[in-house]
Amino acid sequence: MQERWHGRRTKADEAAEISGIQNIKLVTEFDAHLKRLAGSGRYQNLCLDLFKFTSDLPDDDAYNMAKLARDTFPWLKIASIRPMMKSLRLLKNPCEIEALRRAETINREGILAMMCASRPGMYEYQHKAKWDYALAQSGTVSGFPPIISAGNNNFCIHYYAYTGKAADGDFILNNAGATWDGMITDISRAWPCSGVFSEKQKLLYTCAFNISNYIFSLIKPGMPINEVDEMIRRYNYE
């Protein structure tokens, strides 16, 4: 029935072959499986990906699961696997590095397609269409909804409306990422929709460019990301 409505679904044996994970189960079986394991008396910990930038952010599925577990399985200790996950994400296999390079090449093509087409009077959704088409021609799609904004919409950090119309003198700002073989890039670029920088735009762009080059010249393996952030802020203030 699901396939009749939504198309072919990956079978369990196919998922195992693709992922290398042999213990494949349906999501609909999760609750019953969790209760069976938790009630067996063989487990003491429930490990979840728990992380929030600030405490006032809404709970995601991991936090909801933690609440359910505290009420239903009070003998389980809730532990966060975020530190472990972060350390694993820092290590990339050669095939992952190659996939990232391919994704970066496609990302460049998508951004250049938007830049070449950009002009005053062009809507944000038309820029997005150029991005989507360039990625589709390269055999992939966006890894996340791209942020593409013009003019005052630049000041909205996570902007997905795509309804704004670029006026002469506006910056087109984008944060977009192509995906390839499971790896996703995340690149921001900005340009004047007219193709000509005003003096203020040139100053702003040059400042951002110089900061980027300066920080990349200082980053070394093993440097904590919070130190990188502090260096950027100090350099900006100076």
Protein backbone atom coordinates (compact mmCIF):
# COMPACT_ATOMS: atom_id res chain seq x y z
CA MET A 1 0.00 0.00 0.00
CA GLN A 2 2.84 2.42 0.82
CA GLU A 3 4.47 1.70 -2.54
CA ARG A 4 1.21 2.29 -4.40
CA TRP A 5 1.00 5.78 -2.89
CA HIS A 6 4.63 6.83 -2.62
CA GLY A 7 6.73 4.61 -4.89
CA ARG A 8 9.07 1.69 -4.40
CA ARG A 9 10.57 1.21 -0.94
CA THR A 10 13.98 -0.18 -0.08
CA LYS A 11 13.72 -3.77 1.16
CA ALA A 12 15.52 -4.95 4.32
CA ASP A 13 18.05 -7.08 2.40
CA GLU A 14 18.78 -4.16 0.06
CA ALA A 15 19.31 -1.80 2.99
CA ALA A 16 21.71 -4.32 4.55
CA GLU A 17 23.70 -4.60 1.33
CA ILE A 18 23.92 -0.81 0.90
CA SER A 19 24.80 0.03 4.51
CA GLY A 20 26.67 -3.05 5.68
CA ILE A 21 24.31 -3.21 8.69
CA GLN A 22 22.76 -6.65 9.00
CA ASN A 23 20.23 -6.03 11.78
CA ILE A 24 17.56 -4.15 9.82
CA LYS A 25 14.09 -3.61 11.28
CA LEU A 26 11.01 -1.57 10.38
CA VAL A 27 10.54 1.76 12.16
CA THR A 28 7.03 0.63 13.10
CA GLU A 29 8.62 -2.11 15.23
CA PHE A 30 10.82 0.30 17.17
CA ASP A 31 8.64 0.90 20.25
CA ALA A 32 7.95 -2.78 20.83
CA HIS A 33 11.61 -3.66 20.28
CA LEU A 34 12.78 -0.96 22.72
CA LYS A 35 10.35 -2.15 25.43
CA ARG A 36 11.51 -5.72 24.96
CA LEU A 37 15.20 -4.78 25.31
CA ALA A 38 14.67 -2.35 28.20
CA GLY A 39 12.56 -4.86 30.10
CA SER A 40 15.04 -7.70 29.66
CA GLY A 41 17.23 -6.49 32.55
CA ARG A 42 20.36 -6.82 30.41
CA TYR A 43 20.88 -3.10 29.79
CA GLN A 44 21.76 -0.18 32.05
CA ASN A 45 22.24 2.72 29.61
CA LEU A 46 20.19 4.40 26.90
CA CYS A 47 22.48 6.42 24.62
CA LEU A 48 20.95 9.28 22.61
CA ASP A 49 22.23 12.14 20.49
CA LEU A 50 21.39 14.89 22.97
CA PHE A 51 22.52 18.42 22.13
CA LYS A 52 21.12 21.95 22.15
CA PHE A 53 22.89 25.23 21.48
CA THR A 54 20.64 26.89 24.06
CA SER A 55 18.26 25.44 26.63
CA ASP A 56 15.23 27.28 25.22
CA LEU A 57 15.33 25.42 21.89
CA PRO A 58 12.43 22.99 21.32
CA ASP A 59 12.95 19.31 22.08
CA ASP A 60 13.79 17.04 19.17
CA ASP A 61 13.12 13.31 18.87
CA ALA A 62 16.12 12.40 21.03
CA TYR A 63 14.93 14.62 23.92
CA ASN A 64 11.40 13.27 23.58
CA MET A 65 12.77 9.74 23.75
CA ALA A 66 14.76 10.65 26.89
CA LYS A 67 11.58 11.94 28.58
CA LEU A 68 9.68 8.80 27.63
CA ALA A 69 12.49 6.58 28.92
CA ARG A 70 12.67 8.39 32.28
CA ASP A 71 8.96 7.75 32.80
CA THR A 72 8.81 4.23 31.37
CA PHE A 73 12.25 2.79 32.12
CA PRO A 74 13.52 4.68 35.22
CA TRP A 75 16.29 2.12 35.79
CA LEU A 76 18.05 3.14 32.57
CA LYS A 77 20.75 5.79 32.75
CA ILE A 78 20.37 8.38 29.97
CA ALA A 79 23.70 9.18 28.29
CA SER A 80 24.55 11.47 25.38
CA ILE A 81 26.59 10.06 22.50
CA ARG A 82 27.14 13.53 20.99
CA PRO A 83 30.82 13.74 22.08
CA MET A 84 31.49 10.36 20.48
CA MET A 85 29.60 11.31 17.31
CA LYS A 86 31.53 14.58 17.02
CA SER A 87 34.86 12.78 17.27
CA LEU A 88 33.80 10.26 14.60
CA ARG A 89 32.70 13.03 12.24
CA LEU A 90 36.18 14.55 12.36
CA LEU A 91 37.67 11.45 10.73
CA LYS A 92 37.11 11.02 7.00
CA ASN A 93 38.01 8.00 4.90
CA PRO A 94 39.65 8.58 1.49
CA CYS A 95 36.35 7.75 -0.25
CA GLU A 96 34.58 10.37 1.88
CA ILE A 97 37.20 13.01 1.06
CA GLU A 98 36.82 12.20 -2.64
CA ALA A 99 33.03 12.49 -2.34
CA LEU A 100 33.41 15.89 -0.65
CA ARG A 101 35.67 17.10 -3.45
CA ARG A 102 33.13 16.02 -6.03
CA ALA A 103 30.35 17.72 -4.07
CA GLU A 104 32.45 20.91 -3.86
CA THR A 105 32.95 20.90 -7.64
CA ILE A 106 29.20 20.59 -8.19
CA ASN A 107 28.58 23.27 -5.55
CA ARG A 108 30.82 25.63 -7.51
CA GLU A 109 28.87 24.95 -10.70
CA GLY A 110 25.59 25.71 -8.95
CA ILE A 111 26.81 28.99 -7.49
CA LEU A 112 28.35 30.10 -10.78
CA ALA A 113 25.04 29.33 -12.53
CA MET A 114 23.25 31.70 -10.16
CA MET A 115 25.93 34.38 -10.47
CA CYS A 116 25.92 34.32 -14.27
CA ALA A 117 22.13 34.61 -14.44
CA SER A 118 21.74 37.17 -11.65
CA ARG A 119 20.38 40.60 -12.54
CA PRO A 120 18.16 43.33 -11.03
CA GLY A 121 14.51 42.34 -11.13
CA MET A 122 15.24 38.62 -10.79
CA TYR A 123 13.37 36.78 -8.04
CA GLU A 124 15.04 34.63 -5.43
CA TYR A 125 13.11 31.58 -6.64
CA GLN A 126 14.62 32.13 -10.10
CA HIS A 127 18.10 32.03 -8.57
CA LYS A 128 17.11 28.83 -6.79
CA ALA A 129 15.89 27.35 -10.08
CA LYS A 130 19.34 27.96 -11.58
CA TRP A 131 20.93 26.25 -8.56
CA ASP A 132 18.59 23.25 -8.70
CA TYR A 133 19.06 22.83 -12.45
CA ALA A 134 22.86 22.93 -12.25
CA LEU A 135 22.89 20.26 -9.53
CA ALA A 136 20.38 18.10 -11.41
CA GLN A 137 22.57 18.24 -14.52
CA SER A 138 25.44 16.92 -12.38
CA GLY A 139 23.34 14.06 -11.05
CA THR A 140 22.60 15.25 -7.53
CA VAL A 141 20.46 17.54 -5.37
CA SER A 142 20.86 19.92 -2.42
CA GLY A 143 21.91 18.36 0.86
CA PHE A 144 19.67 20.84 2.71
CA PRO A 145 17.24 23.63 1.75
CA PRO A 146 19.49 26.39 0.35
CA ILE A 147 19.37 29.91 1.74
CA ILE A 148 19.10 32.33 -1.20
CA SER A 149 18.21 35.92 -0.37
CA ALA A 150 18.30 39.38 -1.89
CA GLY A 151 18.48 42.83 -0.29
CA ASN A 152 16.92 43.14 3.15
CA ASN A 153 16.24 39.41 3.24
CA ASN A 154 20.00 38.97 3.74
CA PHE A 155 19.44 39.87 7.39
CA CYS A 156 17.25 36.80 8.00
CA ILE A 157 19.76 34.09 8.94
CA HIS A 158 17.66 31.06 7.99
CA TYR A 159 15.64 32.36 5.05
CA TYR A 160 13.71 29.92 2.83
CA ALA A 161 10.86 31.95 1.30
CA TYR A 162 12.58 32.65 -2.07
CA THR A 163 9.90 35.25 -2.83
CA GLY A 164 12.06 38.40 -2.74
CA LYS A 165 12.89 40.39 -5.86
CA ALA A 166 16.44 41.68 -6.34
CA ALA A 167 16.79 45.41 -6.89
CA ASP A 168 19.75 47.22 -8.39
CA GLY A 169 22.35 47.57 -5.64
CA ASP A 170 21.25 44.43 -3.77
CA PHE A 171 23.54 41.65 -2.65
CA ILE A 172 22.51 38.08 -3.45
CA LEU A 173 23.53 35.99 -0.45
CA ASN A 174 23.44 32.22 -0.47
CA ASN A 175 24.30 29.34 1.83
CA ALA A 176 23.97 26.12 -0.11
CA GLY A 177 25.39 22.63 -0.26
CA ALA A 178 25.49 19.94 -2.91
CA THR A 179 25.58 16.31 -1.86
CA TRP A 180 27.51 13.41 -3.34
CA ASP A 181 27.62 9.80 -2.13
CA GLY A 182 26.32 10.71 1.32
CA MET A 183 28.64 13.70 1.88
CA ILE A 184 27.33 17.28 1.94
CA THR A 185 29.12 20.58 1.39
CA ASP A 186 28.06 23.84 3.06
CA ILE A 187 29.26 26.98 1.28
CA SER A 188 28.26 30.66 1.52
CA ARG A 189 28.85 33.23 -1.22
CA ALA A 190 27.59 36.75 -1.98
CA TRP A 191 27.61 38.98 -5.07
CA PRO A 192 25.88 42.13 -6.33
CA CYS A 193 22.93 41.21 -8.54
CA SER A 194 24.03 43.84 -11.06
CA GLY A 195 27.48 42.26 -11.37
CA VAL A 196 29.16 45.49 -10.19
CA PHE A 197 30.25 46.11 -6.59
CA SER A 198 29.44 49.44 -4.99
CA GLU A 199 32.16 50.88 -2.74
CA LYS A 200 30.36 49.71 0.42
CA GLN A 201 29.76 46.26 -1.03
CA LYS A 202 33.39 46.02 -2.07
CA LEU A 203 34.51 46.99 1.44
CA LEU A 204 32.22 44.44 3.09
CA TYR A 205 33.21 41.68 0.70
CA THR A 206 36.92 42.43 1.08
CA CYS A 207 36.64 42.36 4.88
CA ALA A 208 34.93 38.95 4.80
CA PHE A 209 37.45 37.63 2.26
CA ASN A 210 40.45 38.82 4.28
CA ILE A 211 39.06 37.34 7.49
CA SER A 212 38.51 34.01 5.75
CA ASN A 213 42.07 33.90 4.38
CA TYR A 214 43.54 34.94 7.73
CA ILE A 215 41.71 32.25 9.70
CA PHE A 216 42.48 29.50 7.16
CA SER A 217 46.17 30.41 7.45
CA LEU A 218 46.04 29.78 11.22
CA ILE A 219 43.89 26.66 11.47
CA LYS A 220 45.90 23.56 12.34
CA PRO A 221 44.92 19.92 13.01
CA GLY A 222 43.79 19.42 16.60
CA MET A 223 42.69 23.03 17.14
CA PRO A 224 39.38 23.18 19.09
CA ILE A 225 36.60 24.80 17.07
CA ASN A 226 35.76 27.20 19.90
CA GLU A 227 39.31 28.62 19.63
CA VAL A 228 38.78 29.17 15.91
CA ASP A 229 35.54 31.01 16.67
CA GLU A 230 37.26 33.20 19.28
CA MET A 231 40.04 34.06 16.83
CA ILE A 232 37.52 35.11 14.20
CA ARG A 233 35.73 37.36 16.66
CA ARG A 234 38.97 38.98 17.87
CA TYR A 235 40.13 39.60 14.31
CA ASN A 236 36.78 41.14 13.43
CA TYR A 237 36.92 43.48 16.41
CA GLU A 238 40.47 44.56 15.59
